[in-house]
Protein backbone atom coordinates (compact mmCIF):
# COMPACT_ATOMS: atom_id res chain seq x y z
CA VAL A 1 89.11 75.64 83.67
CA VAL A 2 90.59 78.94 84.79
CA ARG A 3 92.72 79.06 81.55
CA GLN A 4 89.65 78.53 79.41
CA GLN A 5 87.65 81.13 81.36
CA ALA A 6 90.56 83.62 80.71
CA LEU A 7 90.70 82.77 77.03
CA ASP A 8 86.93 83.26 76.73
CA GLN A 9 87.11 86.69 78.41
CA ILE A 10 90.02 87.65 76.06
CA LYS A 11 87.99 86.51 73.08
CA LYS A 12 85.04 88.76 74.15
CA ILE A 13 87.33 91.77 74.60
CA ASP A 14 88.88 91.26 71.21
CA GLU A 15 85.47 91.08 69.54
CA ALA A 16 84.10 94.09 71.49
CA LEU A 17 87.24 96.27 70.98
CA PRO A 18 88.84 95.47 67.67
CA GLY A 19 92.32 96.98 67.19
CA TRP A 20 93.06 96.92 70.89
CA VAL A 21 96.27 95.17 71.90
CA VAL A 22 95.57 92.28 74.42
CA GLU A 23 98.59 90.79 76.18
CA VAL A 24 98.62 87.91 78.68
CA GLU A 25 101.23 87.59 81.27
CA ASP A 26 101.89 84.89 84.01
CA GLY A 27 102.48 85.84 87.51
CA ARG A 28 100.97 87.70 90.39
CA PRO A 29 98.28 89.92 88.74
CA SER A 30 99.02 93.10 90.76
CA ARG A 31 102.74 92.86 90.19
CA GLU A 32 102.38 92.15 86.45
CA ILE A 33 99.82 94.95 85.90
CA ALA A 34 101.94 97.51 87.88
CA LYS A 35 105.09 96.42 85.83
CA ALA A 36 103.17 96.70 82.48
CA ALA A 37 101.87 100.20 83.48
CA SER A 38 105.26 101.44 84.29
CA THR A 39 106.91 99.90 81.25
CA LEU A 40 104.33 101.27 78.93
CA ASP A 41 104.49 104.77 80.58
CA SER A 42 100.81 104.55 81.32
CA ARG A 43 99.00 107.53 82.83
CA LEU A 44 96.18 105.55 84.41
CA VAL A 45 95.42 101.81 85.16
CA ILE A 46 91.69 100.98 85.12
CA LEU A 47 90.71 97.86 86.97
CA GLY A 48 87.33 96.33 87.51
CA LEU A 49 86.45 96.26 91.12
CA SER A 50 85.01 92.91 92.40
CA HIS A 51 84.12 91.97 95.89
CA HIS A 52 85.84 88.75 97.03
CA GLY A 53 84.74 86.70 99.94
CA LEU A 54 86.89 86.32 103.01
CA VAL A 55 88.20 82.90 102.02
CA ASP A 56 89.25 84.16 98.42
CA ARG A 57 91.16 87.20 100.17
CA LEU A 58 92.90 84.90 102.57
CA ILE A 59 93.97 82.50 99.89
CA ASP A 60 94.73 84.69 97.11
CA GLY A 61 94.79 88.32 98.45
CA ASP A 62 93.04 91.24 96.79
CA THR A 63 94.37 92.35 93.46
CA ALA A 64 92.97 95.88 93.71
CA LEU A 65 94.58 96.54 97.17
CA GLU A 66 97.91 95.03 96.11
CA LEU A 67 97.86 97.08 92.82
CA LEU A 68 97.17 100.18 94.72
CA ARG A 69 100.26 99.49 96.99
CA GLU A 70 102.52 98.40 94.16
CA SER A 71 101.78 100.82 91.30
CA ASP A 72 103.50 104.01 90.66
CA VAL A 73 100.70 104.97 88.19
CA PRO A 74 97.39 106.10 89.35
CA VAL A 75 94.73 103.40 89.60
CA LEU A 76 90.95 103.74 88.91
CA LEU A 77 88.88 100.97 90.43
CA ALA A 78 85.55 100.95 88.64
CA SER A 79 82.48 98.82 89.86
CA LYS A 80 79.68 97.61 87.79
CA LYS A 81 77.75 100.67 88.99
CA PHE A 82 80.27 103.01 87.35
CA LYS A 83 77.98 104.23 84.49
CA SER A 84 78.58 107.97 84.36
CA LEU A 85 81.25 110.49 85.29
CA PRO A 86 81.55 110.90 89.11
CA ARG A 87 79.76 113.98 90.56
CA VAL A 88 81.13 113.77 94.16
CA ALA A 89 84.87 113.05 94.48
CA VAL A 90 87.11 112.91 97.47
CA ILE A 91 90.81 113.65 96.79
CA ALA A 92 93.23 112.69 99.48
CA VAL A 93 95.80 115.42 99.89
CA ASP A 94 99.08 114.84 101.85
CA PHE A 95 100.70 117.69 99.95
CA SER A 96 103.16 115.41 98.14
CA PRO A 97 103.75 115.64 94.39
CA GLU A 98 102.10 112.26 94.28
CA SER A 99 98.85 113.67 95.57
CA MET A 100 98.93 116.58 93.30
CA GLU A 101 99.61 114.25 90.29
CA ALA A 102 96.61 111.99 91.42
CA ALA A 103 94.38 115.00 91.70
CA ARG A 104 95.35 116.33 88.24
CA THR A 105 94.79 112.96 86.66
CA ALA A 106 91.34 112.68 88.32
CA ILE A 107 89.90 116.08 87.46
CA PRO A 108 89.37 115.21 83.76
CA LEU A 109 87.41 111.94 84.81
CA LEU A 110 84.82 114.13 86.73
CA ALA A 111 81.47 115.54 85.60
CA ALA A 112 81.62 119.15 84.55
CA ASP A 113 79.52 120.11 87.68
CA ALA A 114 81.30 117.84 90.14
CA VAL A 115 81.89 118.69 93.81
CA VAL A 116 85.65 117.99 94.69
CA HIS A 117 86.45 117.41 98.37
CA LEU A 118 90.05 118.08 99.07
CA VAL A 119 90.70 116.12 102.29
CA HIS A 120 93.73 116.01 104.46
CA VAL A 121 94.05 113.53 107.19
CA ARG A 122 95.61 114.82 110.34
CA PRO A 123 97.55 112.28 112.20
CA PRO A 124 96.26 111.13 115.58
CA VAL A 125 97.69 113.09 118.54
CA THR A 126 100.59 111.32 120.01
CA ILE A 127 101.74 114.22 122.31
CA PHE A 128 99.15 115.69 124.70
CA ASP A 129 99.97 119.37 125.47
CA GLY A 130 96.97 119.75 127.78
CA SER A 131 95.31 122.59 125.84
CA GLY A 132 94.81 121.12 122.28
CA LEU A 133 96.83 123.96 120.80
CA TRP A 134 98.93 121.50 118.80
CA GLU A 135 95.75 120.31 116.95
CA GLU A 136 94.52 123.89 116.38
CA GLU A 137 97.93 125.02 115.06
CA TYR A 138 98.29 121.90 112.81
CA GLU A 139 94.82 122.43 111.33
CA ARG A 140 95.38 126.11 110.78
CA VAL A 141 98.55 125.40 108.73
CA ALA A 142 97.00 122.47 106.90
CA LEU A 143 94.00 124.57 105.79
CA GLN A 144 96.42 127.20 104.43
CA GLN A 145 98.25 124.36 102.54
CA LEU A 146 94.87 123.03 101.27
CA GLU A 147 94.15 126.59 99.87
CA LYS A 148 97.55 126.63 98.01
CA PHE A 149 96.90 123.06 96.77
CA GLU A 150 93.45 124.01 95.47
CA HIS A 151 94.99 127.20 93.76
CA VAL A 152 97.66 125.13 91.96
CA LEU A 153 95.20 122.42 91.12
CA ASP A 154 93.18 124.88 89.11
CA VAL A 155 89.82 123.17 89.11
CA PRO A 156 87.71 124.00 86.04
CA ALA A 157 84.93 126.65 86.32
CA GLY A 158 81.70 124.77 86.97
CA MET A 159 83.26 122.34 89.48
CA ARG A 160 83.04 123.33 93.18
CA THR A 161 85.78 122.50 95.69
CA GLU A 162 85.43 122.04 99.36
CA LYS A 163 88.31 121.55 101.86
CA LYS A 164 88.26 119.41 104.92
CA ILE A 165 90.57 118.20 107.56
CA VAL A 166 89.67 114.82 109.24
CA ALA A 167 91.77 112.94 111.87
CA GLY A 168 92.77 109.30 112.17
CA LYS A 169 94.46 106.53 110.05
CA PRO A 170 94.39 107.85 106.42
CA ALA A 171 92.68 104.87 104.77
CA VAL A 172 89.99 104.50 107.42
CA ALA A 173 89.36 108.28 107.92
CA LEU A 174 89.03 108.78 103.95
CA ALA A 175 86.68 105.80 103.58
CA GLU A 176 84.49 107.02 106.42
CA PHE A 177 84.40 110.60 105.07
CA ALA A 178 83.61 109.32 101.55
CA ASN A 179 80.94 107.04 102.77
CA GLY A 180 79.50 109.88 104.80
CA ILE A 181 79.05 112.09 101.77
CA ASP A 182 78.08 109.32 99.37
CA ALA A 183 81.15 109.94 97.19
CA ASP A 184 81.33 108.49 93.63
CA LEU A 185 85.17 108.51 93.55
CA ILE A 186 88.09 108.41 96.04
CA VAL A 187 91.42 109.65 94.61
CA SER A 188 94.75 109.02 96.38
CA GLY A 189 98.31 109.26 95.15
CA THR A 190 100.78 106.59 95.84
CA HIS A 191 104.45 106.75 96.82
CA GLY A 192 105.11 103.40 95.04
CA THR A 193 107.13 100.61 96.38
C-alpha cells in the first residue's frame, strides 16, 4: 500500500513538472535526502512540513527534525499555508559561517519589504557574579557583533532589519520569539553531523 502511494505521488509530480528528474531511494528519508543534497551540491533542500501524531513520531521519528540535524545544506520547511514570500523572518545568529550562509540563502526567499529579525540566543547564566554584569557585558558585545553581521549580510533596500538578543536554549528561545512576532519563516544554520 505504501509503495503504491509513493508511486502515485511520483506520477503526479511527473505530470505536474515535466522534465524534472525524479529519483527514488531506499533508506531512512532524512539520511537519504541529506546525502543526495550533498552529492548534488544543492544550495537548498525544500521539504513539505506535515504534523505527525505522537505515535507516528515515536515509531518513525520526524523526518524534518532529523533532516535539520543531518543536512549540511540549508533546509526550507514549507507548510500548506506557504503561499507567498515570507514578510517576517527570524534569522538565528550564532556568528558562525554557517549562520551567515543560512542568512544569505534566506534573503532572496523573502518579500521585498520583509522585516528581518537577526536574533542571537544568549546562553543561560551558569556563573552568578552577584551583580548581573556578566549578562550586561555579554549582551553589549553580542549587540556589536549583530551590527557587524547585519553590515556584512547587506540586506537589500526595502527590507528592514531588527536585532534582538534572547536568553535560553536556542531552539526553544527562537521558537518562542518567532511565535511572539507571528514570524513566517525561521532560518537557522547547521553545523552538520
